[in-house]
Amino acid sequence: MWRHPELVSGSARRSMKIGYVYIMSNVKRTTFYIGVTSDLEARVAQHKAGVGSTFTSKYKLFDLVYFERIFGIDQAINREKQLKRRHRDWKINLIKSVNPEMLDLINIGLPADPETSSG
């Protein structure tokens, strides 16, 4: 049964929200941070400004090298946990599968968010 989003419980609304799992790295690509957010652009800006995560600030993890857009923030959190359990080489191969040169993707430009873009 369809229900108007305003009438849906908080947990149901939460599972309907787009989530992002992302990987930040330093310039030399020696350290990685995996996180989850509902606003990728804002979260990356926080990391680059050195706020929001002591770990990313301490190790200068200011480059976005990988992200996935996932329908449902709960599913995004599960995916984050999944990625965190993987070993380093697996993570590097994942990153290189979509970003072979491991560039800072924020400099390339992120795709429009379907929830906020008009069209």
C-alpha atoms as a PDB file:
ATOM      1  CA  MET A   1       0.000   0.000   0.000  1.00  0.00           C
ATOM      2  CA  TRP A   2       1.398   3.374  -1.021  1.00  0.00           C
ATOM      3  CA  ARG A   3       1.603   6.044   1.693  1.00  0.00           C
ATOM      4  CA  HIS A   4       2.500   9.677   1.346  1.00  0.00           C
ATOM      5  CA  PRO A   5       6.169  10.251   2.392  1.00  0.00           C
ATOM      6  CA  GLU A   6       5.063  12.690   5.134  1.00  0.00           C
ATOM      7  CA  LEU A   7       3.081   9.863   6.750  1.00  0.00           C
ATOM      8  CA  VAL A   8       5.810   7.241   6.570  1.00  0.00           C
ATOM      9  CA  SER A   9       7.685   6.466   9.772  1.00  0.00           C
ATOM     10  CA  GLY A  10      11.199   7.848  10.217  1.00  0.00           C
ATOM     11  CA  SER A  11      12.912   4.507   9.621  1.00  0.00           C
ATOM     12  CA  ALA A  12      10.975   3.905   6.408  1.00  0.00           C
ATOM     13  CA  ARG A  13      11.800   7.403   5.144  1.00  0.00           C
ATOM     14  CA  ARG A  14      15.425   6.800   6.077  1.00  0.00           C
ATOM     15  CA  SER A  15      15.559   3.632   3.972  1.00  0.00           C
ATOM     16  CA  MET A  16      14.126   5.513   0.975  1.00  0.00           C
ATOM     17  CA  LYS A  17      16.821   8.195   1.042  1.00  0.00           C
ATOM     18  CA  ILE A  18      19.767   8.057  -1.365  1.00  0.00           C
ATOM     19  CA  GLY A  19      23.037   7.237   0.371  1.00  0.00           C
ATOM     20  CA  TYR A  20      26.631   7.361  -0.723  1.00  0.00           C
ATOM     21  CA  VAL A  21      29.517   5.161   0.282  1.00  0.00           C
ATOM     22  CA  TYR A  22      32.793   6.885  -0.465  1.00  0.00           C
ATOM     23  CA  ILE A  23      36.542   6.498  -0.138  1.00  0.00           C
ATOM     24  CA  MET A  24      38.884   9.378   0.657  1.00  0.00           C
ATOM     25  CA  SER A  25      42.665   9.167   0.301  1.00  0.00           C
ATOM     26  CA  ASN A  26      45.821  11.216   0.694  1.00  0.00           C
ATOM     27  CA  VAL A  27      47.931  12.531  -2.201  1.00  0.00           C
ATOM     28  CA  LYS A  28      50.248   9.504  -2.178  1.00  0.00           C
ATOM     29  CA  ARG A  29      47.282   7.081  -1.983  1.00  0.00           C
ATOM     30  CA  THR A  30      48.787   5.287   1.009  1.00  0.00           C
ATOM     31  CA  THR A  31      45.868   5.651   3.430  1.00  0.00           C
ATOM     32  CA  PHE A  32      42.123   5.283   2.864  1.00  0.00           C
ATOM     33  CA  TYR A  33      38.986   6.274   4.723  1.00  0.00           C
ATOM     34  CA  ILE A  34      35.596   4.726   3.962  1.00  0.00           C
ATOM     35  CA  GLY A  35      32.501   6.659   4.934  1.00  0.00           C
ATOM     36  CA  VAL A  36      28.776   6.952   4.304  1.00  0.00           C
ATOM     37  CA  THR A  37      26.638  10.059   3.841  1.00  0.00           C
ATOM     38  CA  SER A  38      23.383  11.289   2.361  1.00  0.00           C
ATOM     39  CA  ASP A  39      25.073  14.417   0.906  1.00  0.00           C
ATOM     40  CA  LEU A  40      28.336  13.494  -0.792  1.00  0.00           C
ATOM     41  CA  GLU A  41      29.322  16.951  -1.973  1.00  0.00           C
ATOM     42  CA  ALA A  42      28.836  18.529   1.468  1.00  0.00           C
ATOM     43  CA  ARG A  43      30.613  15.675   3.252  1.00  0.00           C
ATOM     44  CA  VAL A  44      33.643  15.835   0.950  1.00  0.00           C
ATOM     45  CA  ALA A  45      33.763  19.608   1.487  1.00  0.00           C
ATOM     46  CA  GLN A  46      33.850  18.972   5.248  1.00  0.00           C
ATOM     47  CA  HIS A  47      36.741  16.531   4.849  1.00  0.00           C
ATOM     48  CA  LYS A  48      38.647  18.980   2.647  1.00  0.00           C
ATOM     49  CA  ALA A  49      38.095  21.723   5.253  1.00  0.00           C
ATOM     50  CA  GLY A  50      39.500  19.417   7.936  1.00  0.00           C
ATOM     51  CA  VAL A  51      36.259  19.128   9.896  1.00  0.00           C
ATOM     52  CA  GLY A  52      33.993  16.203  10.699  1.00  0.00           C
ATOM     53  CA  SER A  53      36.630  13.483  10.983  1.00  0.00           C
ATOM     54  CA  THR A  54      39.785  13.507  13.073  1.00  0.00           C
ATOM     55  CA  PHE A  55      41.163  10.571  11.066  1.00  0.00           C
ATOM     56  CA  THR A  56      40.839  12.230   7.652  1.00  0.00           C
ATOM     57  CA  SER A  57      42.257  15.466   9.002  1.00  0.00           C
ATOM     58  CA  LYS A  58      45.194  13.781  10.766  1.00  0.00           C
ATOM     59  CA  TYR A  59      46.214  11.764   7.698  1.00  0.00           C
ATOM     60  CA  LYS A  60      45.307  14.471   5.142  1.00  0.00           C
ATOM     61  CA  LEU A  61      42.728  12.313   3.362  1.00  0.00           C
ATOM     62  CA  PHE A  62      41.275  15.090   1.239  1.00  0.00           C
ATOM     63  CA  ASP A  63      40.823  13.363  -2.152  1.00  0.00           C
ATOM     64  CA  LEU A  64      37.624  11.575  -3.114  1.00  0.00           C
ATOM     65  CA  VAL A  65      38.803   8.544  -5.101  1.00  0.00           C
ATOM     66  CA  TYR A  66      35.661   6.390  -5.115  1.00  0.00           C
ATOM     67  CA  PHE A  67      31.942   6.520  -4.404  1.00  0.00           C
ATOM     68  CA  GLU A  68      28.778   4.529  -4.917  1.00  0.00           C
ATOM     69  CA  ARG A  69      25.253   5.944  -4.950  1.00  0.00           C
ATOM     70  CA  ILE A  70      22.912   3.539  -3.164  1.00  0.00           C
ATOM     71  CA  PHE A  71      19.143   3.651  -2.824  1.00  0.00           C
ATOM     72  CA  GLY A  72      18.454   3.502   0.898  1.00  0.00           C
ATOM     73  CA  ILE A  73      20.740   4.898   3.560  1.00  0.00           C
ATOM     74  CA  ASP A  74      20.463   1.627   5.519  1.00  0.00           C
ATOM     75  CA  GLN A  75      21.783  -0.265   2.481  1.00  0.00           C
ATOM     76  CA  ALA A  76      24.568   2.310   2.150  1.00  0.00           C
ATOM     77  CA  ILE A  77      25.574   1.716   5.779  1.00  0.00           C
ATOM     78  CA  ASN A  78      25.628  -2.038   5.134  1.00  0.00           C
ATOM     79  CA  ARG A  79      27.799  -1.518   2.046  1.00  0.00           C
ATOM     80  CA  GLU A  80      30.188   0.691   4.053  1.00  0.00           C
ATOM     81  CA  LYS A  81      30.610  -2.105   6.609  1.00  0.00           C
ATOM     82  CA  GLN A  82      31.177  -4.586   3.783  1.00  0.00           C
ATOM     83  CA  LEU A  83      33.934  -2.446   2.237  1.00  0.00           C
ATOM     84  CA  LYS A  84      35.609  -1.833   5.586  1.00  0.00           C
ATOM     85  CA  ARG A  85      35.974  -5.607   6.081  1.00  0.00           C
ATOM     86  CA  ARG A  86      37.895  -6.010   2.816  1.00  0.00           C
ATOM     87  CA  HIS A  87      41.677  -5.965   2.669  1.00  0.00           C
ATOM     88  CA  ARG A  88      43.654  -3.059   1.246  1.00  0.00           C
ATOM     89  CA  ASP A  89      44.501  -4.618  -2.154  1.00  0.00           C
ATOM     90  CA  TRP A  90      40.846  -5.431  -2.771  1.00  0.00           C
ATOM     91  CA  LYS A  91      39.897  -1.800  -2.032  1.00  0.00           C
ATOM     92  CA  ILE A  92      42.579  -0.490  -4.388  1.00  0.00           C
ATOM     93  CA  ASN A  93      41.318  -2.810  -7.147  1.00  0.00           C
ATOM     94  CA  LEU A  94      37.760  -1.586  -6.524  1.00  0.00           C
ATOM     95  CA  ILE A  95      38.858   2.036  -6.811  1.00  0.00           C
ATOM     96  CA  LYS A  96      40.908   1.374  -9.955  1.00  0.00           C
ATOM     97  CA  SER A  97      38.004  -0.489 -11.591  1.00  0.00           C
ATOM     98  CA  VAL A  98      36.212   2.860 -11.988  1.00  0.00           C
ATOM     99  CA  ASN A  99      39.031   5.357 -11.429  1.00  0.00           C
ATOM    100  CA  PRO A 100      42.191   3.795 -12.935  1.00  0.00           C
ATOM    101  CA  GLU A 101      44.403   6.807 -12.208  1.00  0.00           C
ATOM    102  CA  MET A 102      42.937   7.261  -8.727  1.00  0.00           C
ATOM    103  CA  LEU A 103      42.180  10.920  -9.440  1.00  0.00           C
ATOM    104  CA  ASP A 104      40.348  13.208  -7.034  1.00  0.00           C
ATOM    105  CA  LEU A 105      36.823  12.799  -8.406  1.00  0.00           C
ATOM    106  CA  ILE A 106      35.606  16.050  -6.905  1.00  0.00           C
ATOM    107  CA  ASN A 107      37.851  17.873  -9.423  1.00  0.00           C
ATOM    108  CA  ILE A 108      36.185  16.028 -12.287  1.00  0.00           C
ATOM    109  CA  GLY A 109      32.690  16.863 -11.075  1.00  0.00           C
ATOM    110  CA  LEU A 110      30.100  14.660  -9.456  1.00  0.00           C
ATOM    111  CA  PRO A 111      27.021  13.491 -11.336  1.00  0.00           C
ATOM    112  CA  ALA A 112      23.804  15.346 -10.510  1.00  0.00           C
ATOM    113  CA  ASP A 113      21.839  13.988  -7.580  1.00  0.00           C
ATOM    114  CA  PRO A 114      18.463  12.744  -8.865  1.00  0.00           C
ATOM    115  CA  GLU A 115      16.749  13.962  -5.669  1.00  0.00           C
ATOM    116  CA  THR A 116      17.858  17.553  -6.086  1.00  0.00           C
ATOM    117  CA  SER A 117      18.320  18.009  -9.833  1.00  0.00           C
ATOM    118  CA  SER A 118      15.525  19.250 -12.009  1.00  0.00           C
ATOM    119  CA  GLY A 119      14.809  17.781 -15.332  1.00  0.00           C
END
